[in-house]
């Protein structure tokens, strides 16, 4: 059985890693061993970041809703509770969009929540 050195395959694999490491700082984008570790770490961060992005957006939506509620004289938690009691099912993404782009509709939602809170106690 003859020996197979695998030069082209090895070169292609290394080029693929170095291509992904383009733009990395220092010798990280030049030296294969360091580039391989950096690329693996970058891919881990990218994976985690895709999950963190969902949390970050939900936080942003809540902040926008809270700011709009406070302008109407109501706290965020009371607003959400009032909407749930009234049976209004709108997610936070849509509420944040309404708060930013259509303040009149949002103030109507706040009035619905306030009315339901007044009924409660």
C-alpha atoms as a PDB file:
ATOM      1  CA  UNK A   1       0.000   0.000   0.000  1.00  0.00           C
ATOM      2  CA  UNK A   2       1.475   3.325  -1.010  1.00  0.00           C
ATOM      3  CA  UNK A   3       1.620   6.317   1.314  1.00  0.00           C
ATOM      4  CA  UNK A   4      -0.868   9.178   0.824  1.00  0.00           C
ATOM      5  CA  UNK A   5       0.404  12.524   2.023  1.00  0.00           C
ATOM      6  CA  UNK A   6      -2.807  14.533   1.508  1.00  0.00           C
ATOM      7  CA  UNK A   7      -1.181  17.859   0.638  1.00  0.00           C
ATOM      8  CA  UNK A   8      -4.068  19.458  -1.262  1.00  0.00           C
ATOM      9  CA  UNK A   9      -6.617  18.458   1.392  1.00  0.00           C
ATOM     10  CA  UNK A  10      -4.512  19.854   4.223  1.00  0.00           C
ATOM     11  CA  UNK A  11      -3.894  23.079   2.304  1.00  0.00           C
ATOM     12  CA  UNK A  12      -7.598  23.515   1.573  1.00  0.00           C
ATOM     13  CA  UNK A  13      -8.522  22.936   5.209  1.00  0.00           C
ATOM     14  CA  UNK A  14      -5.946  25.472   6.392  1.00  0.00           C
ATOM     15  CA  UNK A  15      -6.956  28.026   3.782  1.00  0.00           C
ATOM     16  CA  UNK A  16     -10.571  27.708   4.902  1.00  0.00           C
ATOM     17  CA  UNK A  17      -9.618  28.484   8.507  1.00  0.00           C
ATOM     18  CA  UNK A  18      -7.335  31.379   7.529  1.00  0.00           C
ATOM     19  CA  UNK A  19     -10.073  32.800   5.285  1.00  0.00           C
ATOM     20  CA  UNK A  20     -12.419  32.879   8.286  1.00  0.00           C
ATOM     21  CA  UNK A  21      -9.706  34.569  10.357  1.00  0.00           C
ATOM     22  CA  UNK A  22      -9.323  37.506   7.957  1.00  0.00           C
ATOM     23  CA  UNK A  23      -9.427  40.781   9.828  1.00  0.00           C
ATOM     24  CA  UNK A  24      -8.365  39.276  13.147  1.00  0.00           C
ATOM     25  CA  UNK A  25      -5.799  41.256  15.089  1.00  0.00           C
ATOM     26  CA  UNK A  26      -2.043  40.677  14.962  1.00  0.00           C
ATOM     27  CA  UNK A  27      -0.683  37.344  13.824  1.00  0.00           C
ATOM     28  CA  UNK A  28      -4.025  35.681  14.549  1.00  0.00           C
ATOM     29  CA  UNK A  29      -5.027  35.948  10.910  1.00  0.00           C
ATOM     30  CA  UNK A  30      -1.647  34.676   9.655  1.00  0.00           C
ATOM     31  CA  UNK A  31      -0.546  31.755  11.824  1.00  0.00           C
ATOM     32  CA  UNK A  32      -2.652  28.648  11.345  1.00  0.00           C
ATOM     33  CA  UNK A  33      -2.528  27.239  14.866  1.00  0.00           C
ATOM     34  CA  UNK A  34      -3.510  30.522  16.496  1.00  0.00           C
ATOM     35  CA  UNK A  35      -6.058  31.282  13.770  1.00  0.00           C
ATOM     36  CA  UNK A  36      -7.752  27.902  14.304  1.00  0.00           C
ATOM     37  CA  UNK A  37      -8.239  28.607  18.023  1.00  0.00           C
ATOM     38  CA  UNK A  38      -9.453  32.143  17.351  1.00  0.00           C
ATOM     39  CA  UNK A  39     -11.950  30.963  14.734  1.00  0.00           C
ATOM     40  CA  UNK A  40     -13.298  28.291  17.082  1.00  0.00           C
ATOM     41  CA  UNK A  41     -13.731  30.889  19.834  1.00  0.00           C
ATOM     42  CA  UNK A  42     -15.369  33.324  17.406  1.00  0.00           C
ATOM     43  CA  UNK A  43     -17.843  30.672  16.298  1.00  0.00           C
ATOM     44  CA  UNK A  44     -18.715  29.958  19.935  1.00  0.00           C
ATOM     45  CA  UNK A  45     -19.322  33.648  20.555  1.00  0.00           C
ATOM     46  CA  UNK A  46     -21.465  33.854  17.417  1.00  0.00           C
ATOM     47  CA  UNK A  47     -23.568  30.919  18.606  1.00  0.00           C
ATOM     48  CA  UNK A  48     -24.112  32.473  22.032  1.00  0.00           C
ATOM     49  CA  UNK A  49     -24.745  35.884  20.471  1.00  0.00           C
ATOM     50  CA  UNK A  50     -27.623  34.574  18.391  1.00  0.00           C
ATOM     51  CA  UNK A  51     -29.352  33.574  21.616  1.00  0.00           C
ATOM     52  CA  UNK A  52     -28.471  36.752  23.505  1.00  0.00           C
ATOM     53  CA  UNK A  53     -29.905  38.846  20.677  1.00  0.00           C
ATOM     54  CA  UNK A  54     -33.389  37.587  21.511  1.00  0.00           C
ATOM     55  CA  UNK A  55     -33.013  38.665  25.146  1.00  0.00           C
ATOM     56  CA  UNK A  56     -31.617  42.036  24.129  1.00  0.00           C
ATOM     57  CA  UNK A  57     -34.546  42.777  21.833  1.00  0.00           C
ATOM     58  CA  UNK A  58     -37.109  41.793  24.462  1.00  0.00           C
ATOM     59  CA  UNK A  59     -35.357  44.143  26.917  1.00  0.00           C
ATOM     60  CA  UNK A  60     -35.445  46.948  24.346  1.00  0.00           C
ATOM     61  CA  UNK A  61     -39.165  46.415  23.713  1.00  0.00           C
ATOM     62  CA  UNK A  62     -39.915  46.509  27.432  1.00  0.00           C
ATOM     63  CA  UNK A  63     -37.936  49.740  27.848  1.00  0.00           C
ATOM     64  CA  UNK A  64     -39.815  51.380  24.978  1.00  0.00           C
ATOM     65  CA  UNK A  65     -43.194  50.290  26.331  1.00  0.00           C
ATOM     66  CA  UNK A  66     -42.257  51.466  29.824  1.00  0.00           C
ATOM     67  CA  UNK A  67     -41.193  54.897  28.552  1.00  0.00           C
ATOM     68  CA  UNK A  68     -44.438  55.323  26.621  1.00  0.00           C
ATOM     69  CA  UNK A  69     -46.501  54.148  29.616  1.00  0.00           C
ATOM     70  CA  UNK A  70     -44.790  56.584  31.955  1.00  0.00           C
ATOM     71  CA  UNK A  71     -45.699  59.445  29.620  1.00  0.00           C
ATOM     72  CA  UNK A  72     -49.319  58.351  30.010  1.00  0.00           C
ATOM     73  CA  UNK A  73     -48.963  58.181  33.808  1.00  0.00           C
ATOM     74  CA  UNK A  74     -48.881  54.414  34.243  1.00  0.00           C
ATOM     75  CA  UNK A  75     -46.115  51.987  35.202  1.00  0.00           C
ATOM     76  CA  UNK A  76     -45.122  49.165  32.851  1.00  0.00           C
ATOM     77  CA  UNK A  77     -46.143  46.346  35.189  1.00  0.00           C
ATOM     78  CA  UNK A  78     -49.570  47.899  35.817  1.00  0.00           C
ATOM     79  CA  UNK A  79     -50.043  48.385  32.073  1.00  0.00           C
ATOM     80  CA  UNK A  80     -49.248  44.750  31.267  1.00  0.00           C
ATOM     81  CA  UNK A  81     -51.433  43.530  34.144  1.00  0.00           C
ATOM     82  CA  UNK A  82     -54.311  45.745  33.013  1.00  0.00           C
ATOM     83  CA  UNK A  83     -54.070  44.467  29.438  1.00  0.00           C
ATOM     84  CA  UNK A  84     -54.094  40.853  30.633  1.00  0.00           C
ATOM     85  CA  UNK A  85     -57.127  41.509  32.811  1.00  0.00           C
ATOM     86  CA  UNK A  86     -58.882  43.147  29.858  1.00  0.00           C
ATOM     87  CA  UNK A  87     -58.120  40.144  27.657  1.00  0.00           C
ATOM     88  CA  UNK A  88     -55.955  42.097  25.217  1.00  0.00           C
ATOM     89  CA  UNK A  89     -53.376  39.721  23.754  1.00  0.00           C
ATOM     90  CA  UNK A  90     -50.611  41.721  22.069  1.00  0.00           C
ATOM     91  CA  UNK A  91     -46.977  40.734  22.380  1.00  0.00           C
ATOM     92  CA  UNK A  92     -44.274  43.137  23.506  1.00  0.00           C
ATOM     93  CA  UNK A  93     -42.751  43.460  20.031  1.00  0.00           C
ATOM     94  CA  UNK A  94     -46.003  44.802  18.601  1.00  0.00           C
ATOM     95  CA  UNK A  95     -46.684  46.961  21.681  1.00  0.00           C
ATOM     96  CA  UNK A  96     -43.250  48.578  21.334  1.00  0.00           C
ATOM     97  CA  UNK A  97     -43.871  49.247  17.648  1.00  0.00           C
ATOM     98  CA  UNK A  98     -47.253  50.818  18.409  1.00  0.00           C
ATOM     99  CA  UNK A  99     -45.713  52.911  21.202  1.00  0.00           C
ATOM    100  CA  UNK A 100     -43.079  54.335  18.852  1.00  0.00           C
ATOM    101  CA  UNK A 101     -45.028  54.708  15.613  1.00  0.00           C
ATOM    102  CA  UNK A 102     -48.658  55.255  16.700  1.00  0.00           C
ATOM    103  CA  UNK A 103     -48.905  57.083  20.045  1.00  0.00           C
ATOM    104  CA  UNK A 104     -52.668  57.635  19.708  1.00  0.00           C
ATOM    105  CA  UNK A 105     -53.412  53.925  19.508  1.00  0.00           C
ATOM    106  CA  UNK A 106     -51.020  53.287  22.378  1.00  0.00           C
ATOM    107  CA  UNK A 107     -52.788  55.833  24.566  1.00  0.00           C
ATOM    108  CA  UNK A 108     -56.070  54.007  23.831  1.00  0.00           C
ATOM    109  CA  UNK A 109     -54.471  50.780  25.015  1.00  0.00           C
ATOM    110  CA  UNK A 110     -53.295  52.565  28.162  1.00  0.00           C
ATOM    111  CA  UNK A 111     -56.860  53.762  28.783  1.00  0.00           C
ATOM    112  CA  UNK A 112     -58.124  50.197  28.418  1.00  0.00           C
ATOM    113  CA  UNK A 113     -55.538  49.019  30.946  1.00  0.00           C
ATOM    114  CA  UNK A 114     -56.368  51.873  33.336  1.00  0.00           C
ATOM    115  CA  UNK A 115     -60.086  51.121  33.099  1.00  0.00           C
ATOM    116  CA  UNK A 116     -59.471  47.479  33.937  1.00  0.00           C
ATOM    117  CA  UNK A 117     -57.229  48.423  36.861  1.00  0.00           C
ATOM    118  CA  UNK A 118     -59.945  50.735  38.245  1.00  0.00           C
ATOM    119  CA  UNK A 119     -62.438  47.870  38.124  1.00  0.00           C
ATOM    120  CA  UNK A 120     -60.057  45.653  40.096  1.00  0.00           C
ATOM    121  CA  UNK A 121     -59.638  47.907  43.031  1.00  0.00           C
END
